[in-house]
Amino acid sequence: MDARETLIAELRRHALVIGEVTLTSGATAHYYVDAKRAILRPPGFRALAELVAGYARRWEATAVGGLTMGADAPACAALAGGADVKAFFVRKEAKVHGLQRQVEGPPLEAGERCLIVEDVVTTGGSTIQAIDAVRGAGHHVVGVVAILDRLAGGAEAIAQAAAGAPFERLSTIDDVYPDRPGR
């Protein structure tokens, strides 16, 4: 199996939860994909590392990150996959103590080439918040990678916010849960 097939198999085996849940967006769904259950295991993390590091190299990113918690594992996976990047995490709001930063991690130089990463995309709100914070800090967004797209309109919203930077999804809900009701 290649890295993408391995990632999908791990998501299907460990991350897919059938049952009614409330999503970050506030919407109710009959299934949930908790990608962390799959990517924080060796096979899922290795596959993710290969894929995210590949995009970081392809798009010549110098930093990889996004809104914490959804971006934490994929950003670290880029490092584990051998990409020559800095990992960073975006807080929902800047800290009011310490260094009072919204973008955490190694200091990013002005104009860094940032790859935004996300675990699961539904509406795209978290990813867009990360894009806005990174641009607001004076950096460039070279692309966006999501582990799983729920195919609920988030990709389109992200593509618009990314303003020409490519958006790639490593998998979709069709890959992980093809027989879901109402498909």
C-alpha atoms as a PDB file:
ATOM      1  CA  MET A   1       0.000   0.000   0.000  1.00  0.00           C
ATOM      2  CA  ASP A   2       1.180   3.532  -0.707  1.00  0.00           C
ATOM      3  CA  ALA A   3       1.042   6.284   1.939  1.00  0.00           C
ATOM      4  CA  ARG A   4      -2.369   7.611   0.873  1.00  0.00           C
ATOM      5  CA  GLU A   5      -3.934   4.129   0.889  1.00  0.00           C
ATOM      6  CA  THR A   6      -2.401   3.444   4.305  1.00  0.00           C
ATOM      7  CA  LEU A   7      -3.742   6.730   5.667  1.00  0.00           C
ATOM      8  CA  ILE A   8      -7.253   5.992   4.379  1.00  0.00           C
ATOM      9  CA  ALA A   9      -7.182   2.465   5.816  1.00  0.00           C
ATOM     10  CA  GLU A  10      -6.061   3.812   9.199  1.00  0.00           C
ATOM     11  CA  LEU A  11      -8.752   6.513   9.166  1.00  0.00           C
ATOM     12  CA  ARG A  12     -11.404   3.928   8.320  1.00  0.00           C
ATOM     13  CA  ARG A  13     -10.187   1.528  11.007  1.00  0.00           C
ATOM     14  CA  HIS A  14      -9.492   3.926  13.879  1.00  0.00           C
ATOM     15  CA  ALA A  15     -11.011   7.372  13.231  1.00  0.00           C
ATOM     16  CA  LEU A  16     -14.516   6.755  11.927  1.00  0.00           C
ATOM     17  CA  VAL A  17     -17.141   6.890  14.680  1.00  0.00           C
ATOM     18  CA  ILE A  18     -20.748   6.066  13.734  1.00  0.00           C
ATOM     19  CA  GLY A  19     -23.397   7.871  15.778  1.00  0.00           C
ATOM     20  CA  GLU A  20     -24.886  11.315  16.248  1.00  0.00           C
ATOM     21  CA  VAL A  21     -22.380  14.053  17.113  1.00  0.00           C
ATOM     22  CA  THR A  22     -22.212  17.845  17.141  1.00  0.00           C
ATOM     23  CA  LEU A  23     -19.466  19.221  14.917  1.00  0.00           C
ATOM     24  CA  THR A  24     -17.253  22.258  15.576  1.00  0.00           C
ATOM     25  CA  SER A  25     -19.495  24.194  13.207  1.00  0.00           C
ATOM     26  CA  GLY A  26     -22.485  23.428  15.456  1.00  0.00           C
ATOM     27  CA  ALA A  27     -24.101  21.173  12.859  1.00  0.00           C
ATOM     28  CA  THR A  28     -25.235  17.676  13.803  1.00  0.00           C
ATOM     29  CA  ALA A  29     -23.910  14.660  11.913  1.00  0.00           C
ATOM     30  CA  HIS A  30     -24.516  10.907  12.025  1.00  0.00           C
ATOM     31  CA  TYR A  31     -20.816  10.103  11.963  1.00  0.00           C
ATOM     32  CA  TYR A  32     -17.598  11.664  13.149  1.00  0.00           C
ATOM     33  CA  VAL A  33     -14.038  11.364  11.945  1.00  0.00           C
ATOM     34  CA  ASP A  34     -11.575  11.812  14.797  1.00  0.00           C
ATOM     35  CA  ALA A  35      -8.438  11.785  12.663  1.00  0.00           C
ATOM     36  CA  LYS A  36      -6.176  11.967  15.718  1.00  0.00           C
ATOM     37  CA  ARG A  37      -7.219   8.393  16.605  1.00  0.00           C
ATOM     38  CA  ALA A  38      -5.579   7.229  13.375  1.00  0.00           C
ATOM     39  CA  ILE A  39      -2.679   9.619  12.848  1.00  0.00           C
ATOM     40  CA  LEU A  40      -1.335   9.339  16.382  1.00  0.00           C
ATOM     41  CA  ARG A  41      -0.547   5.657  15.787  1.00  0.00           C
ATOM     42  CA  PRO A  42       2.655   4.583  14.005  1.00  0.00           C
ATOM     43  CA  PRO A  43       1.203   3.489  10.616  1.00  0.00           C
ATOM     44  CA  GLY A  44      -1.048   6.548  10.300  1.00  0.00           C
ATOM     45  CA  PHE A  45       1.668   8.948  11.436  1.00  0.00           C
ATOM     46  CA  ARG A  46       4.260   7.470   9.050  1.00  0.00           C
ATOM     47  CA  ALA A  47       1.856   7.773   6.123  1.00  0.00           C
ATOM     48  CA  LEU A  48       0.912  11.324   7.113  1.00  0.00           C
ATOM     49  CA  ALA A  49       4.582  12.283   7.508  1.00  0.00           C
ATOM     50  CA  GLU A  50       5.410  11.103   3.998  1.00  0.00           C
ATOM     51  CA  LEU A  51       2.437  12.911   2.461  1.00  0.00           C
ATOM     52  CA  VAL A  52       2.714  16.256   4.280  1.00  0.00           C
ATOM     53  CA  ALA A  53       6.501  16.415   3.902  1.00  0.00           C
ATOM     54  CA  GLY A  54       6.030  15.754   0.189  1.00  0.00           C
ATOM     55  CA  TYR A  55       3.698  18.723  -0.190  1.00  0.00           C
ATOM     56  CA  ALA A  56       6.022  20.925   1.890  1.00  0.00           C
ATOM     57  CA  ARG A  57       8.910  20.109  -0.450  1.00  0.00           C
ATOM     58  CA  ARG A  58       6.808  20.402  -3.624  1.00  0.00           C
ATOM     59  CA  TRP A  59       5.494  23.851  -2.671  1.00  0.00           C
ATOM     60  CA  GLU A  60       8.846  24.962  -1.195  1.00  0.00           C
ATOM     61  CA  ALA A  61       7.343  25.708   2.200  1.00  0.00           C
ATOM     62  CA  THR A  62       9.624  26.995   4.930  1.00  0.00           C
ATOM     63  CA  ALA A  63       7.070  26.508   7.705  1.00  0.00           C
ATOM     64  CA  VAL A  64       4.125  24.162   8.302  1.00  0.00           C
ATOM     65  CA  GLY A  65       1.259  24.674  10.722  1.00  0.00           C
ATOM     66  CA  GLY A  66      -2.282  25.788  11.352  1.00  0.00           C
ATOM     67  CA  LEU A  67      -4.867  26.216  14.052  1.00  0.00           C
ATOM     68  CA  THR A  68      -4.113  24.159  17.145  1.00  0.00           C
ATOM     69  CA  MET A  69      -5.271  21.206  17.735  1.00  0.00           C
ATOM     70  CA  GLY A  70      -6.186  20.188  14.193  1.00  0.00           C
ATOM     71  CA  ALA A  71      -2.798  21.171  12.805  1.00  0.00           C
ATOM     72  CA  ASP A  72      -0.544  19.934  15.592  1.00  0.00           C
ATOM     73  CA  ALA A  73       0.015  16.362  14.417  1.00  0.00           C
ATOM     74  CA  PRO A  74       0.215  17.164  10.670  1.00  0.00           C
ATOM     75  CA  ALA A  75       2.730  19.970  11.307  1.00  0.00           C
ATOM     76  CA  CYS A  76       4.916  17.658  13.385  1.00  0.00           C
ATOM     77  CA  ALA A  77       4.498  14.943  10.753  1.00  0.00           C
ATOM     78  CA  ALA A  78       6.128  17.250   8.187  1.00  0.00           C
ATOM     79  CA  LEU A  79       9.198  17.391  10.430  1.00  0.00           C
ATOM     80  CA  ALA A  80       9.165  13.628  10.943  1.00  0.00           C
ATOM     81  CA  GLY A  81       8.867  13.150   7.176  1.00  0.00           C
ATOM     82  CA  GLY A  82      12.113  15.031   6.655  1.00  0.00           C
ATOM     83  CA  ALA A  83      10.806  18.343   5.328  1.00  0.00           C
ATOM     84  CA  ASP A  84      13.232  21.197   6.036  1.00  0.00           C
ATOM     85  CA  VAL A  85      10.604  23.392   7.681  1.00  0.00           C
ATOM     86  CA  LYS A  86       9.671  24.949  10.990  1.00  0.00           C
ATOM     87  CA  ALA A  87       6.465  23.757  12.629  1.00  0.00           C
ATOM     88  CA  PHE A  88       4.092  26.311  14.114  1.00  0.00           C
ATOM     89  CA  PHE A  89       0.674  26.425  15.766  1.00  0.00           C
ATOM     90  CA  VAL A  90      -1.901  29.188  15.554  1.00  0.00           C
ATOM     91  CA  ARG A  91      -3.898  29.984  18.687  1.00  0.00           C
ATOM     92  CA  LYS A  92      -7.509  31.099  18.349  1.00  0.00           C
ATOM     93  CA  GLU A  93      -6.439  34.311  20.077  1.00  0.00           C
ATOM     94  CA  ALA A  94      -3.078  35.798  20.975  1.00  0.00           C
ATOM     95  CA  LYS A  95      -1.942  35.007  24.509  1.00  0.00           C
ATOM     96  CA  VAL A  96      -2.445  37.820  27.004  1.00  0.00           C
ATOM     97  CA  HIS A  97       0.675  36.841  28.959  1.00  0.00           C
ATOM     98  CA  GLY A  98       4.211  35.743  28.117  1.00  0.00           C
ATOM     99  CA  LEU A  99       5.207  36.737  24.587  1.00  0.00           C
ATOM    100  CA  GLN A 100       1.572  37.466  23.655  1.00  0.00           C
ATOM    101  CA  ARG A 101       1.822  35.581  20.371  1.00  0.00           C
ATOM    102  CA  GLN A 102      -0.894  34.053  18.241  1.00  0.00           C
ATOM    103  CA  VAL A 103       1.535  32.088  16.051  1.00  0.00           C
ATOM    104  CA  GLU A 104       3.551  29.807  18.341  1.00  0.00           C
ATOM    105  CA  GLY A 105       6.724  27.861  17.687  1.00  0.00           C
ATOM    106  CA  PRO A 106      10.112  28.899  16.368  1.00  0.00           C
ATOM    107  CA  PRO A 107      10.104  32.569  15.364  1.00  0.00           C
ATOM    108  CA  LEU A 108       9.031  32.917  11.740  1.00  0.00           C
ATOM    109  CA  GLU A 109      10.940  35.396   9.600  1.00  0.00           C
ATOM    110  CA  ALA A 110       8.986  37.988   7.614  1.00  0.00           C
ATOM    111  CA  GLY A 111       7.632  36.457   4.421  1.00  0.00           C
ATOM    112  CA  GLU A 112       7.967  32.769   5.407  1.00  0.00           C
ATOM    113  CA  ARG A 113       6.355  30.369   2.920  1.00  0.00           C
ATOM    114  CA  CYS A 114       3.714  28.627   5.036  1.00  0.00           C
ATOM    115  CA  LEU A 115       1.908  25.388   4.323  1.00  0.00           C
ATOM    116  CA  ILE A 116      -1.341  25.383   6.299  1.00  0.00           C
ATOM    117  CA  VAL A 117      -2.428  21.949   7.558  1.00  0.00           C
ATOM    118  CA  GLU A 118      -5.670  20.704   9.097  1.00  0.00           C
ATOM    119  CA  ASP A 119      -6.965  17.334  10.229  1.00  0.00           C
ATOM    120  CA  VAL A 120     -10.659  17.372   9.239  1.00  0.00           C
ATOM    121  CA  VAL A 121     -12.423  20.013   7.140  1.00  0.00           C
ATOM    122  CA  THR A 122     -16.178  20.577   7.340  1.00  0.00           C
ATOM    123  CA  THR A 123     -16.935  24.285   6.851  1.00  0.00           C
ATOM    124  CA  GLY A 124     -13.287  25.333   6.623  1.00  0.00           C
ATOM    125  CA  GLY A 125     -13.611  27.859   9.445  1.00  0.00           C
ATOM    126  CA  SER A 126     -10.563  26.726  11.436  1.00  0.00           C
ATOM    127  CA  THR A 127      -8.385  26.583   8.349  1.00  0.00           C
ATOM    128  CA  ILE A 128      -9.492  30.041   7.232  1.00  0.00           C
ATOM    129  CA  GLN A 129      -8.740  31.391  10.706  1.00  0.00           C
ATOM    130  CA  ALA A 130      -5.198  29.974  10.401  1.00  0.00           C
ATOM    131  CA  ILE A 131      -4.759  31.439   6.896  1.00  0.00           C
ATOM    132  CA  ASP A 132      -5.844  34.867   8.136  1.00  0.00           C
ATOM    133  CA  ALA A 133      -3.537  34.738  11.181  1.00  0.00           C
ATOM    134  CA  VAL A 134      -0.525  33.654   9.128  1.00  0.00           C
ATOM    135  CA  ARG A 135      -1.102  36.344   6.518  1.00  0.00           C
ATOM    136  CA  GLY A 136      -1.766  38.895   9.259  1.00  0.00           C
ATOM    137  CA  ALA A 137       1.651  38.062  10.719  1.00  0.00           C
ATOM    138  CA  GLY A 138       3.287  38.897   7.378  1.00  0.00           C
ATOM    139  CA  HIS A 139       3.740  35.435   5.882  1.00  0.00           C
ATOM    140  CA  HIS A 140       2.745  33.832   2.589  1.00  0.00           C
ATOM    141  CA  VAL A 141       0.411  30.841   2.267  1.00  0.00           C
ATOM    142  CA  VAL A 142       1.846  28.485  -0.362  1.00  0.00           C
ATOM    143  CA  GLY A 143      -0.820  25.814   0.021  1.00  0.00           C
ATOM    144  CA  VAL A 144      -3.259  24.038   2.289  1.00  0.00           C
ATOM    145  CA  VAL A 145      -3.392  20.306   3.053  1.00  0.00           C
ATOM    146  CA  ALA A 146      -6.237  18.598   4.912  1.00  0.00           C
ATOM    147  CA  ILE A 147      -6.142  15.013   6.099  1.00  0.00           C
ATOM    148  CA  LEU A 148      -9.866  14.522   5.421  1.00  0.00           C
ATOM    149  CA  ASP A 149     -12.504  16.620   3.685  1.00  0.00           C
ATOM    150  CA  ARG A 150     -16.075  15.883   4.817  1.00  0.00           C
ATOM    151  CA  LEU A 151     -17.285  17.302   1.456  1.00  0.00           C
ATOM    152  CA  ALA A 152     -19.523  19.805   3.247  1.00  0.00           C
ATOM    153  CA  GLY A 153     -18.422  23.006   1.493  1.00  0.00           C
ATOM    154  CA  GLY A 154     -15.220  23.645   3.403  1.00  0.00           C
ATOM    155  CA  ALA A 155     -12.944  23.032   0.416  1.00  0.00           C
ATOM    156  CA  GLU A 156     -14.608  25.794  -1.562  1.00  0.00           C
ATOM    157  CA  ALA A 157     -14.405  28.238   1.354  1.00  0.00           C
ATOM    158  CA  ILE A 158     -10.726  27.385   1.900  1.00  0.00           C
ATOM    159  CA  ALA A 159      -9.911  27.735  -1.800  1.00  0.00           C
ATOM    160  CA  GLN A 160     -11.446  31.211  -1.778  1.00  0.00           C
ATOM    161  CA  ALA A 161      -9.571  32.237   1.391  1.00  0.00           C
ATOM    162  CA  ALA A 162      -6.319  30.762   0.067  1.00  0.00           C
ATOM    163  CA  ALA A 163      -6.551  33.194  -2.878  1.00  0.00           C
ATOM    164  CA  GLY A 164      -4.786  31.059  -5.455  1.00  0.00           C
ATOM    165  CA  ALA A 165      -2.717  28.848  -3.172  1.00  0.00           C
ATOM    166  CA  PRO A 166      -3.556  25.186  -3.845  1.00  0.00           C
ATOM    167  CA  PHE A 167      -5.789  23.143  -1.550  1.00  0.00           C
ATOM    168  CA  GLU A 168      -5.170  19.390  -1.371  1.00  0.00           C
ATOM    169  CA  ARG A 169      -7.090  16.830   0.630  1.00  0.00           C
ATOM    170  CA  LEU A 170      -5.352  13.573   1.451  1.00  0.00           C
ATOM    171  CA  SER A 171      -8.728  11.827   1.668  1.00  0.00           C
ATOM    172  CA  THR A 172     -12.446  12.521   1.636  1.00  0.00           C
ATOM    173  CA  ILE A 173     -15.355  11.069   3.542  1.00  0.00           C
ATOM    174  CA  ASP A 174     -16.174   9.132   0.360  1.00  0.00           C
ATOM    175  CA  ASP A 175     -12.856   7.292   0.778  1.00  0.00           C
ATOM    176  CA  VAL A 176     -13.339   6.580   4.486  1.00  0.00           C
ATOM    177  CA  TYR A 177     -17.105   6.022   4.719  1.00  0.00           C
ATOM    178  CA  PRO A 178     -18.388   5.311   1.185  1.00  0.00           C
ATOM    179  CA  ASP A 179     -21.553   3.527   2.366  1.00  0.00           C
ATOM    180  CA  ARG A 180     -22.783   6.261   4.698  1.00  0.00           C
ATOM    181  CA  PRO A 181     -26.529   6.930   4.767  1.00  0.00           C
ATOM    182  CA  GLY A 182     -27.709   9.858   2.685  1.00  0.00           C
ATOM    183  CA  ARG A 183     -24.696   9.845   0.388  1.00  0.00           C
END
